[in-house]
Amino acid sequence: MTPDPARNRFFAIQALRLGGVALVIVALLALKGVVPLPQIAAWPILVVGLADILVVPALLARKWRTPPQNEDRP
């Protein structure tokens, strides 16, 4: 049985979202002082995590979109 590329892409996008959520949680814990990370490092981690949640999945979905099938071509 061959692996389905759509299934693999779906899981890749979900893994990126989950990684983004983990980055946001770590950044918020660092900003509260629970995780021993400087606040100056927590802000970029927060921004990257939010980008992983919001922007990157949309870019990948657009890149991996199936091209439209033209039935008019011979």
Protein backbone atom coordinates (compact mmCIF):
# COMPACT_ATOMS: atom_id res chain seq x y z
CA MET A 1 0.00 0.00 0.00
CA THR A 2 1.45 3.35 -1.03
CA PRO A 3 1.32 6.26 1.40
CA ASP A 4 -1.24 8.94 0.61
CA PRO A 5 0.51 12.31 0.05
CA ALA A 6 -2.57 14.25 1.23
CA ARG A 7 -2.56 12.34 4.53
CA ASN A 8 1.15 12.96 5.03
CA ARG A 9 0.75 16.66 4.26
CA PHE A 10 -2.15 16.90 6.70
CA PHE A 11 -0.05 15.37 9.47
CA ALA A 12 2.89 17.65 8.62
CA ILE A 13 0.68 20.73 8.92
CA GLN A 14 -0.78 19.51 12.21
CA ALA A 15 2.70 18.78 13.57
CA LEU A 16 3.77 22.33 12.71
CA ARG A 17 0.72 23.73 14.49
CA LEU A 18 1.41 21.58 17.55
CA GLY A 19 5.04 22.72 17.57
CA GLY A 20 3.86 26.33 17.36
CA VAL A 21 1.56 25.80 20.34
CA ALA A 22 4.46 24.32 22.31
CA LEU A 23 6.64 27.34 21.47
CA VAL A 24 3.91 29.76 22.55
CA ILE A 25 3.44 27.92 25.84
CA VAL A 26 7.19 27.92 26.56
CA ALA A 27 7.40 31.63 25.69
CA LEU A 28 4.48 32.51 27.95
CA LEU A 29 5.98 30.49 30.80
CA ALA A 30 9.29 32.28 30.27
CA LEU A 31 7.56 35.65 30.36
CA LYS A 32 5.91 34.69 33.67
CA GLY A 33 9.27 33.58 35.10
CA VAL A 34 8.42 29.89 35.41
CA VAL A 35 10.95 28.80 32.78
CA PRO A 36 14.49 30.11 33.30
CA LEU A 37 14.76 31.98 30.02
CA PRO A 38 15.44 35.70 29.63
CA GLN A 39 12.45 37.77 28.60
CA ILE A 40 14.40 39.17 25.68
CA ALA A 41 14.53 35.61 24.27
CA ALA A 42 10.90 34.82 25.08
CA TRP A 43 9.43 37.47 22.77
CA PRO A 44 11.00 36.13 19.55
CA ILE A 45 10.01 32.61 20.56
CA LEU A 46 6.45 33.83 21.03
CA VAL A 47 6.42 35.49 17.60
CA VAL A 48 7.83 32.39 15.88
CA GLY A 49 5.30 30.19 17.67
CA LEU A 50 2.40 32.38 16.59
CA ALA A 51 3.70 32.36 13.01
CA ASP A 52 3.89 28.54 13.17
CA ILE A 53 0.28 28.42 14.28
CA LEU A 54 -1.23 31.04 11.97
CA VAL A 55 0.92 31.67 8.89
CA VAL A 56 2.98 28.59 8.04
CA PRO A 57 0.07 26.10 7.68
CA ALA A 58 -1.68 28.45 5.23
CA LEU A 59 1.50 28.85 3.20
CA LEU A 60 2.07 25.11 3.05
CA ALA A 61 -1.55 24.42 2.10
CA ARG A 62 -1.26 26.95 -0.72
CA LYS A 63 2.03 25.45 -1.89
CA TRP A 64 0.72 21.87 -1.77
CA ARG A 65 -2.64 22.64 -3.38
CA THR A 66 -3.54 20.29 -6.22
CA PRO A 67 -3.57 22.12 -9.53
CA PRO A 68 -6.97 22.31 -11.19
CA GLN A 69 -7.74 19.63 -13.74
CA ASN A 70 -8.61 20.96 -17.19
CA GLU A 71 -10.97 18.57 -18.92
CA ASP A 72 -10.93 20.67 -22.11
CA ARG A 73 -7.41 19.57 -23.01
CA PRO A 74 -7.06 16.59 -25.33
